[in-house]
Protein backbone atom coordinates (compact mmCIF):
# COMPACT_ATOMS: atom_id res chain seq x y z
CA UNK A 1 12.34 -43.71 -15.40
CA UNK A 2 9.01 -41.94 -15.60
CA UNK A 3 7.44 -40.98 -12.29
CA UNK A 4 3.77 -40.21 -11.65
CA UNK A 5 3.06 -36.52 -12.19
CA UNK A 6 2.81 -34.45 -9.01
CA UNK A 7 -0.73 -33.18 -8.45
CA UNK A 8 -0.63 -30.03 -6.30
CA UNK A 9 -3.71 -29.28 -4.22
CA UNK A 10 -2.84 -25.56 -3.95
CA UNK A 11 -2.71 -23.79 -7.34
CA UNK A 12 0.12 -21.62 -8.59
CA UNK A 13 -0.68 -18.00 -7.62
CA UNK A 14 -0.89 -16.58 -11.13
CA UNK A 15 -2.72 -13.25 -11.40
CA UNK A 16 -5.68 -13.02 -13.75
CA UNK A 17 -4.81 -12.37 -17.34
CA UNK A 18 -1.02 -12.31 -17.15
CA UNK A 19 2.00 -14.30 -15.93
CA UNK A 20 3.13 -13.69 -12.37
CA UNK A 21 6.07 -11.32 -12.02
CA UNK A 22 8.64 -13.34 -10.03
CA UNK A 23 11.42 -11.14 -8.65
CA UNK A 24 14.61 -13.14 -9.13
CA UNK A 25 16.47 -13.24 -5.80
CA UNK A 26 14.34 -10.23 -4.95
CA UNK A 27 14.85 -7.08 -7.00
CA UNK A 28 18.56 -7.87 -7.29
CA UNK A 29 19.14 -5.08 -9.80
CA UNK A 30 18.36 -2.61 -7.01
CA UNK A 31 19.48 -4.26 -3.76
CA UNK A 32 21.78 -7.00 -2.50
CA UNK A 33 20.29 -10.26 -3.72
CA UNK A 34 18.29 -12.56 -1.44
CA UNK A 35 18.09 -10.05 1.40
CA UNK A 36 14.95 -8.76 3.07
CA UNK A 37 15.72 -5.39 1.49
CA UNK A 38 15.76 -6.95 -1.99
CA UNK A 39 12.40 -8.60 -1.33
CA UNK A 40 10.89 -5.39 0.05
CA UNK A 41 12.07 -3.43 -3.00
CA UNK A 42 10.57 -6.12 -5.24
CA UNK A 43 7.24 -5.66 -3.49
CA UNK A 44 7.47 -1.89 -3.97
CA UNK A 45 8.03 -2.47 -7.68
CA UNK A 46 4.92 -4.61 -8.01
CA UNK A 47 6.34 -8.16 -8.02
CA UNK A 48 3.78 -10.89 -7.36
CA UNK A 49 6.31 -13.41 -6.02
CA UNK A 50 9.92 -13.49 -4.87
CA UNK A 51 12.31 -16.15 -6.07
CA UNK A 52 14.43 -17.27 -3.13
CA UNK A 53 17.30 -19.78 -2.93
CA UNK A 54 16.92 -22.11 0.00
CA UNK A 55 19.81 -23.75 1.84
CA UNK A 56 20.18 -25.40 5.25
CA UNK A 57 22.59 -24.36 7.97
CA UNK A 58 24.59 -27.01 9.83
CA UNK A 59 21.82 -27.15 12.45
CA UNK A 60 19.07 -27.52 9.84
CA UNK A 61 17.59 -24.01 9.63
CA UNK A 62 16.34 -22.96 6.17
CA UNK A 63 18.00 -19.72 5.00
CA UNK A 64 18.12 -17.92 1.64
CA UNK A 65 21.41 -17.53 -0.20
CA UNK A 66 22.15 -18.36 -3.81
CA UNK A 67 25.74 -19.52 -3.33
CA UNK A 68 26.83 -22.29 -0.97
CA UNK A 69 29.44 -19.87 0.40
CA UNK A 70 28.73 -16.29 1.51
CA UNK A 71 32.05 -14.88 0.24
CA UNK A 72 30.96 -13.69 -3.19
CA UNK A 73 27.90 -11.71 -2.10
CA UNK A 74 28.75 -10.69 1.46
CA UNK A 75 32.56 -10.86 1.62
CA UNK A 76 32.58 -13.37 4.47
CA UNK A 77 34.03 -16.83 3.84
CA UNK A 78 31.47 -19.19 5.36
CA UNK A 79 30.15 -22.45 3.94
CA UNK A 80 26.48 -22.39 4.91
CA UNK A 81 26.02 -26.15 5.30
CA UNK A 82 29.01 -26.26 7.68
CA UNK A 83 27.94 -23.25 9.76
CA UNK A 84 25.34 -23.22 12.53
CA UNK A 85 22.75 -20.50 12.33
CA UNK A 86 23.97 -18.51 15.34
CA UNK A 87 27.43 -18.21 13.81
CA UNK A 88 25.98 -17.34 10.40
CA UNK A 89 23.71 -14.66 11.84
CA UNK A 90 26.54 -13.09 13.81
CA UNK A 91 28.90 -13.01 10.81
CA UNK A 92 26.43 -12.30 7.99
CA UNK A 93 23.23 -10.83 9.47
CA UNK A 94 21.89 -10.01 6.00
CA UNK A 95 21.22 -13.70 5.21
CA UNK A 96 17.51 -14.15 6.09
CA UNK A 97 15.74 -17.22 7.37
CA UNK A 98 12.75 -18.66 5.55
CA UNK A 99 10.63 -17.73 8.56
CA UNK A 100 11.67 -14.08 8.28
CA UNK A 101 11.01 -14.04 4.54
CA UNK A 102 7.61 -15.63 5.06
CA UNK A 103 6.64 -12.99 7.63
CA UNK A 104 7.60 -10.25 5.18
CA UNK A 105 5.77 -11.96 2.32
CA UNK A 106 2.59 -12.08 4.37
CA UNK A 107 2.95 -8.43 5.34
CA UNK A 108 3.59 -7.37 1.73
CA UNK A 109 1.02 -9.72 0.15
CA UNK A 110 3.60 -11.47 -2.03
CA UNK A 111 4.12 -15.12 -2.91
CA UNK A 112 7.29 -17.21 -2.69
CA UNK A 113 8.93 -19.16 -5.49
CA UNK A 114 11.44 -21.33 -3.65
CA UNK A 115 14.42 -22.86 -5.42
CA UNK A 116 15.74 -25.76 -3.36
CA UNK A 117 19.52 -25.58 -3.30
CA UNK A 118 20.37 -28.31 -0.79
CA UNK A 119 19.21 -31.84 0.07
CA UNK A 120 16.57 -31.69 2.78
CA UNK A 121 15.70 -28.05 2.12
CA UNK A 122 12.27 -28.92 0.71
CA UNK A 123 11.05 -31.09 3.59
CA UNK A 124 12.44 -28.52 6.06
CA UNK A 125 10.47 -25.75 4.37
CA UNK A 126 7.08 -27.45 4.25
CA UNK A 127 6.12 -27.10 7.95
CA UNK A 128 7.01 -23.40 7.88
CA UNK A 129 4.85 -22.85 4.80
CA UNK A 130 1.76 -24.50 6.30
CA UNK A 131 -1.26 -22.27 5.83
CA UNK A 132 0.46 -20.12 3.19
CA UNK A 133 -1.32 -20.42 -0.16
CA UNK A 134 0.97 -18.41 -2.46
CA UNK A 135 4.00 -20.62 -2.96
CA UNK A 136 5.74 -22.89 -5.43
CA UNK A 137 8.93 -24.91 -5.05
CA UNK A 138 11.47 -26.19 -7.54
CA UNK A 139 14.99 -27.41 -8.16
CA UNK A 140 17.52 -28.18 -10.88
CA UNK A 141 18.12 -31.44 -9.03
CA UNK A 142 15.58 -34.16 -9.86
CA UNK A 143 16.34 -35.79 -6.50
CA UNK A 144 15.37 -32.55 -4.77
CA UNK A 145 12.12 -32.42 -6.73
CA UNK A 146 11.28 -36.03 -5.87
CA UNK A 147 12.22 -35.46 -2.22
CA UNK A 148 9.83 -32.55 -1.68
CA UNK A 149 7.01 -34.30 -3.55
CA UNK A 150 7.50 -37.41 -1.42
CA UNK A 151 7.30 -35.23 1.70
CA UNK A 152 3.71 -34.37 0.79
CA UNK A 153 4.14 -30.94 -0.82
CA UNK A 154 0.68 -29.48 -1.60
CA UNK A 155 2.13 -26.60 -3.69
CA UNK A 156 3.25 -26.75 -7.32
CA UNK A 157 6.73 -28.20 -7.83
CA UNK A 158 8.93 -27.25 -10.80
CA UNK A 159 11.98 -28.85 -12.33
CA UNK A 160 14.45 -26.24 -13.56
CA UNK A 161 15.68 -27.04 -17.05
CA UNK A 162 19.04 -25.89 -18.41
CA UNK A 163 19.61 -24.82 -21.99
CA UNK A 164 19.99 -27.91 -24.15
CA UNK A 165 18.04 -30.22 -21.83
CA UNK A 166 14.74 -31.83 -22.78
CA UNK A 167 12.03 -30.31 -20.56
CA UNK A 168 9.67 -33.24 -21.08
CA UNK A 169 12.32 -35.78 -20.11
CA UNK A 170 13.29 -33.74 -17.04
CA UNK A 171 9.67 -33.58 -15.95
CA UNK A 172 9.24 -37.31 -16.48
CA UNK A 173 12.28 -38.24 -14.40
CA UNK A 174 11.45 -35.86 -11.56
CA UNK A 175 7.65 -36.06 -11.33
CA UNK A 176 7.37 -32.25 -11.45
CA UNK A 177 4.09 -30.69 -12.51
CA UNK A 178 5.85 -27.58 -13.89
CA UNK A 179 8.90 -27.03 -16.06
CA UNK A 180 10.96 -23.92 -15.49
CA UNK A 181 13.02 -23.14 -18.56
CA UNK A 182 16.33 -21.45 -17.67
CA UNK A 183 17.15 -20.43 -21.24
CA UNK A 184 18.08 -16.77 -20.78
CA UNK A 185 21.43 -17.42 -22.49
CA UNK A 186 19.78 -18.79 -25.60
CA UNK A 187 20.88 -15.96 -27.89
CA UNK A 188 19.38 -12.58 -28.68
CA UNK A 189 15.90 -14.08 -29.02
CA UNK A 190 15.61 -16.90 -26.51
CA UNK A 191 11.84 -16.56 -26.71
CA UNK A 192 12.03 -18.26 -30.11
CA UNK A 193 13.18 -21.44 -28.34
CA UNK A 194 9.72 -21.73 -26.78
CA UNK A 195 8.19 -23.02 -29.96
CA UNK A 196 4.53 -23.78 -30.65
CA UNK A 197 5.50 -27.46 -30.84
CA UNK A 198 7.07 -27.33 -27.38
CA UNK A 199 4.05 -25.54 -25.93
CA UNK A 200 1.74 -28.12 -27.48
CA UNK A 201 3.84 -30.97 -26.06
CA UNK A 202 3.81 -29.42 -22.59
CA UNK A 203 0.07 -28.97 -22.79
CA UNK A 204 -0.49 -32.55 -23.92
CA UNK A 205 1.61 -33.78 -21.00
CA UNK A 206 -0.33 -31.62 -18.51
CA UNK A 207 2.76 -29.60 -17.61
CA UNK A 208 2.75 -25.95 -16.58
CA UNK A 209 5.46 -23.48 -17.57
CA UNK A 210 7.66 -20.93 -15.78
CA UNK A 211 10.25 -18.88 -17.68
CA UNK A 212 13.78 -17.74 -16.97
CA UNK A 213 14.91 -14.45 -15.51
CA UNK A 214 14.84 -11.82 -18.24
CA UNK A 215 15.83 -8.14 -18.25
CA UNK A 216 15.64 -7.28 -21.97
CA UNK A 217 12.38 -5.35 -22.39
CA UNK A 218 11.79 -6.51 -25.95
CA UNK A 219 12.26 -10.16 -24.92
CA UNK A 220 10.03 -9.73 -21.88
CA UNK A 221 7.20 -8.35 -24.01
CA UNK A 222 7.24 -11.54 -26.08
CA UNK A 223 7.51 -13.80 -23.04
CA UNK A 224 4.48 -12.16 -21.46
CA UNK A 225 2.41 -13.30 -24.43
CA UNK A 226 3.26 -16.96 -23.79
CA UNK A 227 1.01 -19.22 -21.66
CA UNK A 228 3.40 -19.16 -18.69
CA UNK A 229 2.46 -19.19 -15.03
CA UNK A 230 5.25 -16.77 -14.23
CA UNK A 231 8.38 -15.04 -15.48
CA UNK A 232 11.45 -14.35 -13.37
CA UNK A 233 13.24 -11.02 -13.63
CA UNK A 234 15.87 -9.03 -11.73
CA UNK A 235 13.86 -5.90 -12.57
CA UNK A 236 10.17 -6.22 -11.64
CA UNK A 237 9.54 -2.70 -12.91
CA UNK A 238 9.99 -3.98 -16.47
CA UNK A 239 6.91 -6.16 -16.03
CA UNK A 240 4.94 -4.07 -13.56
CA UNK A 241 5.73 -0.54 -14.68
CA UNK A 242 3.06 1.57 -16.30
CA UNK A 243 2.18 0.34 -19.79
CA UNK A 244 1.52 2.58 -22.82
CA UNK A 245 -1.94 4.06 -22.51
CA UNK A 246 -2.41 2.89 -18.92
CA UNK A 247 -3.97 5.60 -16.73
CA UNK A 248 -4.11 8.09 -19.59
CA UNK A 249 -4.47 11.71 -18.55
CA UNK A 250 -2.11 11.51 -15.55
CA UNK A 251 1.50 12.65 -16.03
CA UNK A 252 3.83 11.45 -13.28
CA UNK A 253 6.80 13.59 -12.25
CA UNK A 254 9.38 11.53 -10.35
CA UNK A 255 11.07 13.72 -7.73
CA UNK A 256 14.87 13.25 -7.87
CA UNK A 257 14.21 9.92 -9.58
CA UNK A 258 13.00 6.87 -7.67
CA UNK A 259 14.84 8.14 -4.64
CA UNK A 260 13.52 5.69 -2.05
CA UNK A 261 15.03 2.75 -3.97
CA UNK A 262 18.11 4.35 -5.56
CA UNK A 263 20.20 7.33 -4.44
CA UNK A 264 18.59 10.62 -5.44
CA UNK A 265 19.60 12.48 -8.57
CA UNK A 266 21.70 9.58 -9.87
CA UNK A 267 21.66 7.73 -13.16
CA UNK A 268 20.28 4.68 -11.32
CA UNK A 269 17.36 6.65 -9.86
CA UNK A 270 16.58 8.15 -13.27
CA UNK A 271 16.72 4.81 -15.11
CA UNK A 272 14.36 3.25 -12.58
CA UNK A 273 11.90 6.13 -12.94
CA UNK A 274 11.95 5.67 -16.70
CA UNK A 275 11.55 1.90 -16.44
CA UNK A 276 8.47 2.43 -14.28
CA UNK A 277 7.26 4.64 -17.16
CA UNK A 278 7.14 7.92 -15.26
CA UNK A 279 6.59 10.79 -17.68
CA UNK A 280 8.89 13.41 -16.18
CA UNK A 281 12.12 13.31 -14.16
CA UNK A 282 12.67 16.09 -11.63
CA UNK A 283 16.29 16.97 -10.91
CA UNK A 284 18.37 19.75 -9.36
CA UNK A 285 21.14 21.76 -11.02
CA UNK A 286 24.23 23.61 -9.77
CA UNK A 287 27.16 25.31 -11.48
CA UNK A 288 30.65 24.11 -10.56
CA UNK A 289 33.75 26.24 -10.03
CA UNK A 290 34.85 25.59 -13.62
CA UNK A 291 31.45 26.36 -15.11
CA UNK A 292 29.93 22.91 -15.57
CA UNK A 293 26.24 22.29 -14.89
CA UNK A 294 25.81 19.24 -12.65
CA UNK A 295 22.89 17.34 -11.12
CA UNK A 296 22.80 17.47 -7.32
CA UNK A 297 20.33 18.69 -4.72
CA UNK A 298 22.34 20.25 -1.90
CA UNK A 299 24.80 23.14 -2.14
CA UNK A 300 27.44 20.81 -0.69
CA UNK A 301 28.30 17.18 -1.40
CA UNK A 302 28.50 16.30 2.30
CA UNK A 303 25.13 14.51 2.65
CA UNK A 304 25.12 12.47 -0.54
CA UNK A 305 28.72 11.50 -1.25
CA UNK A 306 31.95 10.30 0.31
CA UNK A 307 33.40 13.80 0.13
CA UNK A 308 32.89 17.28 1.53
CA UNK A 309 32.73 20.75 0.10
CA UNK A 310 30.55 23.23 -1.73
CA UNK A 311 29.75 22.41 -5.37
CA UNK A 312 30.36 26.02 -6.41
CA UNK A 313 33.93 25.71 -5.12
CA UNK A 314 34.72 22.35 -6.76
CA UNK A 315 35.76 21.49 -10.31
CA UNK A 316 33.89 18.91 -12.35
CA UNK A 317 36.80 16.46 -12.21
CA UNK A 318 36.79 16.68 -8.40
CA UNK A 319 33.07 16.00 -8.31
CA UNK A 320 33.42 13.10 -10.75
CA UNK A 321 35.86 11.43 -8.36
CA UNK A 322 33.23 11.22 -5.61
CA UNK A 323 31.06 8.18 -4.95
CA UNK A 324 27.49 9.44 -4.71
CA UNK A 325 25.87 6.02 -4.26
CA UNK A 326 27.56 4.24 -1.36
CA UNK A 327 26.04 6.59 1.24
CA UNK A 328 22.64 5.21 0.27
CA UNK A 329 23.53 1.53 -0.05
CA UNK A 330 26.65 -0.55 -0.79
CA UNK A 331 24.70 -1.88 -3.77
CA UNK A 332 24.98 1.56 -5.39
CA UNK A 333 28.66 2.17 -4.70
CA UNK A 334 30.33 3.73 -7.72
CA UNK A 335 27.50 6.00 -8.88
CA UNK A 336 28.99 9.27 -10.17
CA UNK A 337 27.63 12.77 -10.46
CA UNK A 338 25.90 13.57 -13.76
CA UNK A 339 26.14 16.71 -15.82
CA UNK A 340 22.88 18.26 -16.90
CA UNK A 341 23.79 17.52 -20.53
CA UNK A 342 24.24 13.82 -19.74
CA UNK A 343 20.91 13.72 -17.93
CA UNK A 344 19.19 15.39 -20.90
CA UNK A 345 20.74 12.94 -23.38
CA UNK A 346 19.47 10.01 -21.33
CA UNK A 347 16.03 11.62 -21.13
CA UNK A 348 15.98 12.09 -24.89
CA UNK A 349 17.07 8.49 -25.54
CA UNK A 350 14.25 7.24 -23.36
CA UNK A 351 11.65 9.55 -24.91
CA UNK A 352 10.88 11.28 -21.61
CA UNK A 353 10.68 14.85 -20.31
CA UNK A 354 12.31 16.77 -17.48
CA UNK A 355 11.50 19.18 -14.67
CA UNK A 356 14.67 21.21 -14.09
CA UNK A 357 14.93 22.83 -10.68
CA UNK A 358 17.81 25.24 -10.72
CA UNK A 359 19.54 25.69 -7.39
CA UNK A 360 22.51 27.88 -8.31
CA UNK A 361 23.36 28.40 -11.99
CA UNK A 362 23.22 31.31 -14.49
CA UNK A 363 20.00 31.73 -16.43
CA UNK A 364 21.76 32.24 -19.76
CA UNK A 365 23.93 29.14 -19.42
CA UNK A 366 21.08 26.82 -18.42
CA UNK A 367 18.81 28.09 -21.18
CA UNK A 368 21.56 27.92 -23.82
CA UNK A 369 22.24 24.27 -23.00
CA UNK A 370 18.57 23.32 -23.15
CA UNK A 371 18.02 25.28 -26.36
CA UNK A 372 21.12 23.96 -28.10
CA UNK A 373 20.21 20.36 -27.23
CA UNK A 374 16.75 20.81 -28.76
CA UNK A 375 15.13 20.16 -25.39
CA UNK A 376 13.19 23.36 -24.73
CA UNK A 377 9.82 21.81 -25.58
CA UNK A 378 10.46 18.82 -23.33
CA UNK A 379 11.25 20.52 -20.03
CA UNK A 380 10.03 23.11 -17.60
CA UNK A 381 11.86 25.14 -14.97
CA UNK A 382 11.61 26.26 -11.39
CA UNK A 383 13.94 27.99 -8.99
CA UNK A 384 13.57 28.92 -5.32
CA UNK A 385 14.78 32.42 -6.27
CA UNK A 386 11.94 34.34 -7.90
CA UNK A 387 14.48 36.71 -9.45
CA UNK A 388 15.95 33.79 -11.43
CA UNK A 389 12.54 32.87 -12.84
CA UNK A 390 11.80 36.46 -13.78
CA UNK A 391 15.17 36.66 -15.55
CA UNK A 392 14.41 33.44 -17.44
CA UNK A 393 11.04 34.75 -18.56
CA UNK A 394 12.68 37.95 -19.81
CA UNK A 395 15.58 36.11 -21.47
CA UNK A 396 13.51 33.30 -23.01
CA UNK A 397 9.81 34.19 -23.27
CA UNK A 398 9.08 30.74 -24.72
CA UNK A 399 10.48 28.87 -21.71
CA UNK A 400 8.06 26.69 -19.79
CA UNK A 401 7.96 27.72 -16.13
CA UNK A 402 6.36 26.28 -13.04
CA UNK A 403 5.51 28.31 -9.98
CA UNK A 404 3.74 28.05 -6.65
CA UNK A 405 1.26 30.73 -5.72
CA UNK A 406 2.74 30.76 -2.20
CA UNK A 407 5.86 32.38 -3.71
CA UNK A 408 3.80 35.38 -4.84
CA UNK A 409 1.49 37.88 -3.19
CA UNK A 410 -1.49 36.48 -5.06
CA UNK A 411 -2.58 34.44 -8.07
CA UNK A 412 -2.81 37.66 -10.08
CA UNK A 413 0.74 38.54 -9.07
CA UNK A 414 2.03 35.10 -10.11
CA UNK A 415 0.44 35.45 -13.53
CA UNK A 416 1.71 39.03 -13.95
CA UNK A 417 5.26 38.26 -12.82
CA UNK A 418 5.85 34.93 -14.54
CA UNK A 419 2.88 33.80 -16.64
CA UNK A 420 3.76 30.22 -15.69
CA UNK A 421 2.43 27.29 -17.68
CA UNK A 422 2.29 25.05 -14.62
CA UNK A 423 0.94 25.76 -11.13
CA UNK A 424 2.19 23.37 -8.48
CA UNK A 425 -0.45 22.78 -5.81
CA UNK A 426 0.02 20.95 -2.49
CA UNK A 427 -2.14 17.85 -2.13
CA UNK A 428 -4.09 19.45 0.72
CA UNK A 429 -5.11 22.43 -1.47
CA UNK A 430 -5.82 20.51 -4.66
CA UNK A 431 -9.62 20.65 -4.54
CA UNK A 432 -9.54 24.40 -4.00
CA UNK A 433 -6.77 25.45 -6.39
CA UNK A 434 -6.82 22.98 -9.29
CA UNK A 435 -10.03 24.50 -10.75
CA UNK A 436 -8.51 27.97 -10.42
CA UNK A 437 -5.42 26.86 -12.33
CA UNK A 438 -7.48 25.39 -15.14
CA UNK A 439 -9.62 28.53 -15.35
CA UNK A 440 -6.45 30.61 -15.65
CA UNK A 441 -5.14 28.45 -18.50
CA UNK A 442 -2.43 26.75 -16.43
CA UNK A 443 -1.84 23.05 -15.95
CA UNK A 444 -2.31 22.17 -12.27
CA UNK A 445 0.39 19.88 -10.88
CA UNK A 446 -0.28 18.22 -7.56
CA UNK A 447 2.64 17.97 -5.15
CA UNK A 448 2.85 15.21 -2.54
CA UNK A 449 6.01 14.45 -0.59
CA UNK A 450 4.22 13.17 2.51
CA UNK A 451 4.07 9.85 4.29
CA UNK A 452 3.85 6.67 2.16
CA UNK A 453 0.32 6.00 3.31
CA UNK A 454 -1.70 3.80 0.89
CA UNK A 455 -4.95 5.47 1.94
CA UNK A 456 -3.58 8.87 0.92
CA UNK A 457 -2.48 7.47 -2.42
CA UNK A 458 -5.97 6.07 -2.89
CA UNK A 459 -7.29 9.62 -2.45
CA UNK A 460 -4.74 10.90 -4.97
CA UNK A 461 -5.78 8.19 -7.43
CA UNK A 462 -9.42 9.21 -7.08
CA UNK A 463 -8.49 12.85 -7.73
CA UNK A 464 -6.72 11.83 -10.99
CA UNK A 465 -4.52 14.94 -11.23
CA UNK A 466 -3.33 16.01 -14.66
CA UNK A 467 0.20 16.04 -13.28
CA UNK A 468 1.69 15.01 -9.96
CA UNK A 469 5.16 15.60 -8.51
CA UNK A 470 5.96 12.93 -5.93
CA UNK A 471 8.59 10.64 -4.43
CA UNK A 472 6.65 7.36 -4.52
CA UNK A 473 5.51 6.72 -8.06
CA UNK A 474 5.26 3.04 -7.14
CA UNK A 475 2.57 3.73 -4.54
CA UNK A 476 0.59 5.87 -6.97
CA UNK A 477 0.73 3.13 -9.60
CA UNK A 478 -0.46 0.57 -7.05
CA UNK A 479 -3.32 2.85 -5.96
CA UNK A 480 -4.42 3.47 -9.56
CA UNK A 481 -4.48 -0.28 -10.16
CA UNK A 482 -6.49 -0.86 -6.99
CA UNK A 483 -8.96 1.76 -8.15
CA UNK A 484 -9.22 0.13 -11.56
CA UNK A 485 -9.78 -3.29 -10.03
CA UNK A 486 -12.59 -2.09 -7.78
CA UNK A 487 -14.20 0.05 -10.46
CA UNK A 488 -14.50 -2.67 -13.11
CA UNK A 489 -16.73 -5.62 -12.16
CA UNK A 490 -15.30 -7.73 -14.99
CA UNK A 491 -11.72 -7.13 -13.83
CA UNK A 492 -12.76 -7.86 -10.25
CA UNK A 493 -14.49 -11.11 -11.24
CA UNK A 494 -11.56 -12.33 -13.36
CA UNK A 495 -9.14 -11.70 -10.48
CA UNK A 496 -10.96 -14.15 -8.20
């Protein structure tokens, strides 16, 4: 049976010039899926829309959860369709209502891509979505697609198509205006399944296209070249991170990794910083009781692990046994402490550079590791103890050093004592001191660890520092893109 094609009156919210980045179940690589936290993280990482899975409680309230039962994700054995909302909220408060998600979407200026998981979910959602113009709905179930269209849905409606199914036949039987290909398991190059012939057939039939969730960067790059309305991904940073050549002349130093999304100084925080295309990773180094060099900020493990004790009094095997992720979020349980050598190897594999802040470790040992790993040209050093920096300069004259003039009696004293290559300057003093650094032959590096205020980041973007050391690389990237949008009339016009 071929049904009349749905004709939405509200267009799909695709950004100008590229497919929408649709965060699959929120940024589920970085937070518990389909929670408000996952959606908020997705917004931080630049997602345009959030994919949510809509179900109905026993008393008819639309809530977001991928599975019919909450056991797998939340460890509580409840069948959502058999549970009234009050009971669900008391037992599993992390499961959000559509109304709560919609409020957050409005606050974060994000759209919703709603997968209908239960009969009646579509009609139940429509009244709540009234007045919201950045939505699309869809389902694997043709009955669910027909149901929401029949209820008068003004937004685009997609039919989700499994690998091996005919997208044109699925669209014909459901009446959907969009086909969503769920072909992520189609081999190493699933993008090759979206052939020119298929694209031509979809175009001839007047069908739009949405693509599966994808986390392989090389596959994503190809998918982004296709004429799709949107692409789902568990990792929005892979689509919305800084691209090669974007904002040239600004080197971003990510302080302890992306530490507001992942636990500081962990592999997860470093990987996320690299995926956002930050240029430098800042990390902190201590020596253990058995002479290993490890990555951690505090002298003790008390704040950022499930253990206690001073790092200098613990062996590496003792430190390796600690969980340094669960304190931050259950999602990151199981993160383990890194050695400096491991962190450097990751940095080298990703083609990045490193700012090494030494807390407590011998100069000779730190320098020998960096030198022997062929990393001396790709890092710079700082230590709170000026004596350590002076010893490094004497031991390794070629070492790249950063300093802050506040640690010295004067600029002349800083140059005499350390001859640093980099001068770190607080945001508030940038206009005064950056020209002085350049005149002295040093690279000025702005430092900003203040409040996550978009207006402040707009000021930073306008200053366009050569380097900047900060916690919120995501906010800087967003501010730079805002500046670009407002500065280029052609970009501004095409975004309308």
